[in-house]
Amino acid sequence: MKNFDYFEPKSVSDLLALLSEYGEKAAILAGGTDLIPRMKKGLISPSYLINIARISGLRKIEESQEGLKIGPMVPLSLLERNPLLSSRYPVLQKAISHVGTPSLRNAATIGGNICLDTKCIYRDQVQTWRRALEPCFKLGGQRCYVVRGGKNCHASLAADTIPALIALGAGVRILSPSGERSIPVEALYTGDGVRPLVLSHEELLTEITLPSLPMGARSAYLRFSFRKAIDFPLVSAAFFMGQKDGVCLSAKIVLGAVAPKPLRLSQLEETLKGKKITPDLLRDCSEQAPEEALQTSKSGRIDAFTRRMIVRLVYQGLAEVSQQT
């Protein structure tokens, strides 16, 4: 790990001044469960490290008429135990429970998980291992080892909370020296494996907002990984459905970990809307899911194994939220 200057600003204005001054040479430290290991591996070498743990107002959990407001520095373990999540947003609670281990969730923050960098089995190695290969797109090279002959980076966005937040229709507030803006969580991601976030080096995510949900709406989160704990998903999926008398009124299907951005399956959502939920309908939708995921990702990365996992997770998830189990 290279030497760096360390700062602990006590206010958002102090933080913005540091970001404005040091820009891309600085890195924000929240929980550090992902940033510190990447620094140790030499994947990132900031000249300035800015710890935002002492800034007041970034650890809030506030209920409002519009829904729930969450500060980016709230630890995942605190959210996981929050009764409002278990009663109103169980899909997010389920997603959080899959992140790392209980000890990691004590340190990891919701803002850090939302802003997690993309993952790649070739890139995310120690320096001695990486020296044996020509640099890939993520490391400034001109090739991709994930997709042979790929013309861009195919590192995947594997954070568990992201598909769940998109399925819930969550939004974020972003602050910078030039002002403030609010966008849906879905709009936070570029689809570029090298630079997966739309945030500039001077911007800070200051709040996550969860909207109030209609009565009777159901949600679910499923994932597949090699290990049951301390492992990122190979495929994940979040679901949200509103229905009445067995008819789907609205649906959201979001895949994670299969592309440089979360994949919203909008065509399948429209297919479900207004239809009577039956096992045959769910089976047809799950069979169509891999093709729409491929079209949405525009990556060509979805292999046969991943396709099978998408079919399985989409069917199981839709069956769970439609009570067809």
Protein backbone atom coordinates (compact mmCIF):
# COMPACT_ATOMS: atom_id res chain seq x y z
CA MET A 1 0.00 0.00 0.00
CA LYS A 2 1.35 3.42 -0.98
CA ASN A 3 1.56 6.35 1.43
CA PHE A 4 -1.36 8.79 1.53
CA ASP A 5 -2.54 11.87 3.42
CA TYR A 6 -5.45 11.22 5.78
CA PHE A 7 -8.36 13.57 6.57
CA GLU A 8 -11.36 13.37 8.93
CA PRO A 9 -13.71 16.25 8.04
CA LYS A 10 -16.42 17.01 10.59
CA SER A 11 -18.91 18.62 8.24
CA VAL A 12 -20.23 18.13 4.72
CA SER A 13 -18.91 21.54 3.70
CA ASP A 14 -15.39 20.58 4.83
CA LEU A 15 -15.67 17.33 2.89
CA LEU A 16 -16.81 19.07 -0.29
CA ALA A 17 -13.89 21.48 0.00
CA LEU A 18 -11.48 18.52 0.18
CA LEU A 19 -13.13 16.78 -2.78
CA SER A 20 -13.01 20.00 -4.79
CA GLU A 21 -9.32 20.45 -4.02
CA TYR A 22 -8.04 16.91 -4.51
CA GLY A 23 -10.57 15.48 -7.01
CA GLU A 24 -9.66 12.12 -8.51
CA LYS A 25 -6.56 11.82 -6.31
CA ALA A 26 -8.81 11.35 -3.27
CA ALA A 27 -10.88 8.38 -2.10
CA ILE A 28 -13.78 8.46 0.37
CA LEU A 29 -13.56 6.00 3.28
CA ALA A 30 -16.93 4.88 4.66
CA GLY A 31 -16.82 1.39 6.22
CA GLY A 32 -13.65 0.45 4.38
CA THR A 33 -14.56 -3.23 3.93
CA ASP A 34 -14.02 -3.00 0.17
CA LEU A 35 -11.75 0.04 -0.21
CA ILE A 36 -9.00 -1.07 2.18
CA PRO A 37 -8.55 -4.55 0.61
CA ARG A 38 -8.39 -2.92 -2.83
CA MET A 39 -5.72 -0.52 -1.59
CA LYS A 40 -3.72 -3.41 -0.13
CA LYS A 41 -3.84 -5.23 -3.48
CA GLY A 42 -2.71 -2.11 -5.32
CA LEU A 43 -5.96 -1.89 -7.27
CA ILE A 44 -6.42 1.69 -6.10
CA SER A 45 -3.75 4.04 -4.74
CA PRO A 46 -5.28 7.35 -3.62
CA SER A 47 -2.97 10.13 -2.59
CA TYR A 48 -5.60 11.38 -0.13
CA LEU A 49 -7.95 9.29 2.01
CA ILE A 50 -11.00 11.08 3.41
CA ASN A 51 -12.80 9.36 6.31
CA ILE A 52 -16.42 10.59 6.53
CA ALA A 53 -17.30 8.72 9.77
CA ARG A 54 -17.28 11.92 11.88
CA ILE A 55 -19.72 13.87 9.72
CA SER A 56 -23.02 14.25 11.57
CA GLY A 57 -26.25 13.57 9.72
CA LEU A 58 -24.95 10.75 7.55
CA ARG A 59 -26.09 7.98 9.95
CA LYS A 60 -29.78 8.85 10.13
CA ILE A 61 -32.79 6.58 9.67
CA GLU A 62 -35.89 8.76 9.45
CA GLU A 63 -39.49 7.83 8.75
CA SER A 64 -41.57 10.31 6.75
CA GLN A 65 -44.87 10.48 4.88
CA GLU A 66 -43.00 9.71 1.67
CA GLY A 67 -41.30 6.62 3.10
CA LEU A 68 -37.91 6.11 4.73
CA LYS A 69 -34.76 8.25 4.58
CA ILE A 70 -31.41 6.54 5.23
CA GLY A 71 -28.00 8.14 5.60
CA PRO A 72 -25.16 6.59 3.58
CA MET A 73 -23.06 5.90 6.71
CA VAL A 74 -25.67 3.67 8.39
CA PRO A 75 -24.04 0.27 9.00
CA LEU A 76 -25.66 -2.64 7.18
CA SER A 77 -26.09 -4.56 10.43
CA LEU A 78 -28.14 -1.69 11.91
CA LEU A 79 -30.42 -1.64 8.88
CA GLU A 80 -30.72 -5.42 8.93
CA ARG A 81 -32.12 -5.27 12.49
CA ASN A 82 -34.37 -2.26 11.90
CA PRO A 83 -38.05 -3.21 12.40
CA LEU A 84 -39.19 -0.84 9.63
CA LEU A 85 -37.17 -2.82 7.08
CA SER A 86 -38.53 -6.18 8.23
CA SER A 87 -42.13 -4.95 8.10
CA ARG A 88 -42.09 -2.71 5.01
CA TYR A 89 -38.99 -3.53 2.95
CA PRO A 90 -38.17 -7.21 3.56
CA VAL A 91 -36.46 -7.52 0.16
CA LEU A 92 -33.78 -5.05 1.26
CA GLN A 93 -33.37 -6.76 4.62
CA LYS A 94 -32.92 -10.11 2.84
CA ALA A 95 -30.34 -8.64 0.46
CA ILE A 96 -28.38 -7.09 3.34
CA SER A 97 -28.30 -10.43 5.18
CA HIS A 98 -26.26 -11.91 2.31
CA VAL A 99 -23.48 -9.30 2.48
CA GLY A 100 -20.26 -10.74 3.90
CA THR A 101 -20.52 -11.84 7.52
CA PRO A 102 -22.11 -10.26 10.63
CA SER A 103 -18.77 -8.71 11.58
CA LEU A 104 -18.32 -7.23 8.10
CA ARG A 105 -21.88 -5.88 8.13
CA ASN A 106 -21.07 -4.11 11.41
CA ALA A 107 -18.50 -2.03 9.54
CA ALA A 108 -19.90 -1.94 5.99
CA THR A 109 -22.32 0.89 5.16
CA ILE A 110 -25.34 1.10 2.89
CA GLY A 111 -23.76 3.97 0.94
CA GLY A 112 -20.56 2.00 0.42
CA ASN A 113 -22.48 -1.02 -0.87
CA ILE A 114 -24.44 1.13 -3.31
CA CYS A 115 -21.19 2.67 -4.59
CA LEU A 116 -19.28 -0.62 -4.74
CA ASP A 117 -16.82 -0.97 -7.60
CA THR A 118 -17.30 -3.65 -10.25
CA LYS A 119 -15.73 -7.06 -9.63
CA CYS A 120 -13.57 -9.21 -11.92
CA ILE A 121 -11.85 -12.52 -11.12
CA TYR A 122 -8.89 -11.52 -13.32
CA ARG A 123 -8.45 -7.97 -12.06
CA ASP A 124 -9.18 -8.52 -8.35
CA GLN A 125 -5.91 -10.31 -7.57
CA VAL A 126 -2.64 -9.40 -5.86
CA GLN A 127 -0.06 -7.44 -7.84
CA THR A 128 2.30 -10.41 -8.37
CA TRP A 129 -0.53 -12.36 -10.02
CA ARG A 130 -1.59 -9.43 -12.22
CA ARG A 131 1.96 -8.85 -13.47
CA ALA A 132 1.76 -12.15 -15.36
CA LEU A 133 -1.00 -10.76 -17.60
CA GLU A 134 -1.21 -7.87 -20.01
CA PRO A 135 -3.31 -5.09 -18.41
CA CYS A 136 -7.04 -5.28 -19.06
CA PHE A 137 -9.43 -2.38 -19.74
CA LYS A 138 -10.02 -1.88 -16.00
CA LEU A 139 -6.28 -1.44 -15.48
CA GLY A 140 -5.71 0.84 -18.46
CA GLY A 141 -5.08 -1.86 -21.07
CA GLN A 142 -6.89 -2.78 -24.29
CA ARG A 143 -8.28 -6.24 -23.66
CA CYS A 144 -10.84 -8.13 -21.56
CA TYR A 145 -10.12 -11.57 -20.09
CA VAL A 146 -13.75 -12.22 -19.12
CA VAL A 147 -15.08 -12.02 -22.69
CA ARG A 148 -12.49 -13.14 -25.22
CA GLY A 149 -12.23 -10.50 -27.90
CA GLY A 150 -14.36 -8.08 -25.86
CA LYS A 151 -14.15 -4.43 -26.88
CA ASN A 152 -14.84 -3.04 -23.41
CA CYS A 153 -14.71 -3.96 -19.71
CA HIS A 154 -17.13 -6.66 -18.57
CA ALA A 155 -16.46 -6.52 -14.82
CA SER A 156 -19.75 -7.13 -13.01
CA LEU A 157 -21.62 -5.05 -10.44
CA ALA A 158 -22.23 -7.61 -7.70
CA ALA A 159 -23.46 -5.61 -4.66
CA ASP A 160 -26.45 -7.33 -3.06
CA THR A 161 -28.41 -4.24 -2.05
CA ILE A 162 -28.54 -2.61 -5.50
CA PRO A 163 -31.14 -4.87 -7.22
CA ALA A 164 -33.33 -4.72 -4.10
CA LEU A 165 -33.21 -0.92 -3.96
CA ILE A 166 -34.09 -0.63 -7.66
CA ALA A 167 -36.98 -3.06 -7.27
CA LEU A 168 -38.31 -0.86 -4.44
CA GLY A 169 -38.02 2.29 -6.55
CA ALA A 170 -35.44 3.86 -4.24
CA GLY A 171 -33.70 7.15 -4.97
CA VAL A 172 -30.54 8.93 -3.85
CA ARG A 173 -29.59 12.54 -3.12
CA ILE A 174 -26.21 13.70 -4.39
CA LEU A 175 -24.37 16.78 -3.17
CA SER A 176 -21.47 18.65 -4.79
CA PRO A 177 -19.92 22.14 -4.59
CA SER A 178 -22.17 23.18 -7.49
CA GLY A 179 -25.42 22.06 -5.86
CA GLU A 180 -27.69 19.11 -5.14
CA ARG A 181 -29.56 16.63 -7.33
CA SER A 182 -31.81 13.61 -6.79
CA ILE A 183 -31.91 10.58 -9.09
CA PRO A 184 -33.31 7.04 -8.95
CA VAL A 185 -30.83 4.40 -7.78
CA GLU A 186 -31.25 2.81 -11.21
CA ALA A 187 -29.79 5.93 -12.85
CA LEU A 188 -26.66 5.81 -10.67
CA TYR A 189 -24.93 3.23 -12.88
CA THR A 190 -23.30 3.80 -16.26
CA GLY A 191 -22.95 0.25 -17.59
CA ASP A 192 -19.20 0.87 -17.99
CA GLY A 193 -17.13 -1.68 -16.09
CA VAL A 194 -14.22 0.75 -15.73
CA ARG A 195 -16.28 3.66 -14.32
CA PRO A 196 -19.55 2.13 -13.10
CA LEU A 197 -20.95 5.21 -11.32
CA VAL A 198 -22.26 8.50 -12.71
CA LEU A 199 -20.81 10.30 -9.67
CA SER A 200 -18.01 12.75 -10.36
CA HIS A 201 -14.99 12.99 -8.06
CA GLU A 202 -16.53 16.05 -6.40
CA GLU A 203 -19.91 14.48 -5.62
CA LEU A 204 -21.12 12.79 -2.43
CA LEU A 205 -24.11 10.51 -1.94
CA THR A 206 -25.89 12.01 1.10
CA GLU A 207 -29.20 10.15 1.38
CA ILE A 208 -31.10 7.05 0.22
CA THR A 209 -34.89 7.36 0.04
CA LEU A 210 -37.30 4.42 0.07
CA PRO A 211 -40.84 5.26 -1.09
CA SER A 212 -44.00 4.14 0.68
CA LEU A 213 -45.30 0.95 -0.90
CA PRO A 214 -48.89 -0.01 -1.78
CA MET A 215 -50.74 -2.36 0.53
CA GLY A 216 -50.43 -6.01 -0.43
CA ALA A 217 -47.25 -5.57 -2.48
CA ARG A 218 -44.78 -8.43 -2.19
CA SER A 219 -41.04 -8.56 -2.78
CA ALA A 220 -38.24 -11.13 -2.87
CA TYR A 221 -34.48 -11.40 -3.25
CA LEU A 222 -32.63 -14.48 -4.50
CA ARG A 223 -29.00 -15.11 -5.40
CA PHE A 224 -26.61 -17.86 -6.46
CA SER A 225 -23.02 -18.02 -5.24
CA PHE A 226 -20.44 -20.76 -4.76
CA ARG A 227 -20.36 -20.19 -0.99
CA LYS A 228 -23.25 -19.36 1.34
CA ALA A 229 -21.25 -16.64 3.11
CA ILE A 230 -18.36 -14.23 2.43
CA ASP A 231 -18.96 -14.44 -1.30
CA PHE A 232 -20.32 -12.15 -3.97
CA PRO A 233 -23.21 -13.53 -6.03
CA LEU A 234 -22.65 -14.94 -9.50
CA VAL A 235 -26.27 -14.06 -10.26
CA SER A 236 -28.77 -12.21 -8.08
CA ALA A 237 -32.35 -11.09 -8.63
CA ALA A 238 -34.83 -8.83 -6.85
CA PHE A 239 -38.59 -8.82 -7.44
CA PHE A 240 -41.52 -6.58 -6.59
CA MET A 241 -45.15 -7.22 -7.47
CA GLY A 242 -48.47 -5.60 -6.74
CA GLN A 243 -51.50 -7.76 -7.45
CA LYS A 244 -55.22 -8.05 -6.82
CA ASP A 245 -57.34 -11.17 -7.10
CA GLY A 246 -54.47 -13.04 -8.70
CA VAL A 247 -53.90 -10.40 -11.40
CA CYS A 248 -50.55 -8.62 -11.64
CA LEU A 249 -51.01 -4.86 -11.32
CA SER A 250 -47.31 -3.96 -11.46
CA ALA A 251 -43.99 -5.77 -11.39
CA LYS A 252 -40.27 -5.09 -11.22
CA ILE A 253 -37.56 -7.62 -12.02
CA VAL A 254 -33.91 -6.62 -11.51
CA LEU A 255 -30.87 -8.82 -12.10
CA GLY A 256 -27.51 -8.23 -10.48
CA ALA A 257 -23.93 -9.51 -10.89
CA VAL A 258 -24.28 -10.44 -14.57
CA ALA A 259 -23.20 -7.12 -16.15
CA PRO A 260 -21.42 -3.85 -15.28
CA LYS A 261 -24.79 -2.47 -14.20
CA PRO A 262 -28.02 -3.90 -12.70
CA LEU A 263 -30.38 -5.14 -15.41
CA ARG A 264 -34.05 -4.17 -15.31
CA LEU A 265 -36.19 -6.62 -17.30
CA SER A 266 -38.79 -4.09 -18.45
CA GLN A 267 -40.24 -6.23 -21.24
CA LEU A 268 -41.06 -9.04 -18.83
CA GLU A 269 -42.57 -6.53 -16.42
CA GLU A 270 -44.93 -5.36 -19.20
CA THR A 271 -45.70 -8.97 -20.12
CA LEU A 272 -46.85 -9.67 -16.56
CA LYS A 273 -48.84 -6.47 -16.10
CA GLY A 274 -52.61 -7.02 -16.25
CA LYS A 275 -52.38 -10.79 -16.60
CA LYS A 276 -53.69 -13.55 -14.37
CA ILE A 277 -50.72 -15.13 -12.61
CA THR A 278 -50.34 -18.79 -13.53
CA PRO A 279 -47.44 -21.25 -13.38
CA ASP A 280 -47.36 -21.35 -17.19
CA LEU A 281 -47.05 -17.55 -17.40
CA LEU A 282 -44.22 -17.54 -14.88
CA ARG A 283 -42.46 -20.34 -16.74
CA ASP A 284 -42.73 -18.48 -20.05
CA CYS A 285 -41.37 -15.29 -18.45
CA SER A 286 -38.45 -17.07 -16.84
CA GLU A 287 -37.50 -18.69 -20.17
CA GLN A 288 -37.48 -15.26 -21.85
CA ALA A 289 -35.43 -13.60 -19.09
CA PRO A 290 -31.90 -14.53 -20.30
CA GLU A 291 -32.50 -13.10 -23.77
CA GLU A 292 -33.80 -9.78 -22.44
CA ALA A 293 -30.89 -9.66 -19.98
CA LEU A 294 -28.46 -10.11 -22.88
CA GLN A 295 -30.14 -7.34 -24.88
CA THR A 296 -30.23 -4.99 -21.89
CA SER A 297 -26.59 -5.56 -20.93
CA LYS A 298 -25.29 -5.22 -24.52
CA SER A 299 -22.26 -7.18 -23.36
CA GLY A 300 -22.45 -10.67 -24.85
CA ARG A 301 -21.15 -11.96 -21.53
CA ILE A 302 -24.07 -14.14 -20.41
CA ASP A 303 -22.84 -17.73 -20.75
CA ALA A 304 -24.86 -20.95 -20.66
CA PHE A 305 -24.45 -21.47 -16.93
CA THR A 306 -25.54 -17.92 -16.12
CA ARG A 307 -28.54 -18.31 -18.43
CA ARG A 308 -29.68 -21.39 -16.50
CA MET A 309 -29.29 -19.56 -13.21
CA ILE A 310 -31.31 -16.59 -14.52
CA VAL A 311 -34.15 -18.89 -15.61
CA ARG A 312 -34.19 -20.62 -12.23
CA LEU A 313 -34.01 -17.45 -10.12
CA VAL A 314 -36.62 -15.56 -12.15
CA TYR A 315 -39.11 -18.42 -11.91
CA GLN A 316 -38.54 -18.89 -8.17
CA GLY A 317 -38.69 -15.17 -7.47
CA LEU A 318 -41.88 -14.56 -9.46
CA ALA A 319 -43.50 -17.59 -7.85
CA GLU A 320 -42.62 -16.22 -4.41
CA VAL A 321 -43.97 -12.70 -4.96
CA SER A 322 -47.10 -13.96 -6.73
CA GLN A 323 -47.74 -16.60 -4.04
CA GLN A 324 -47.65 -19.36 -6.65
CA THR A 325 -45.52 -21.63 -4.42
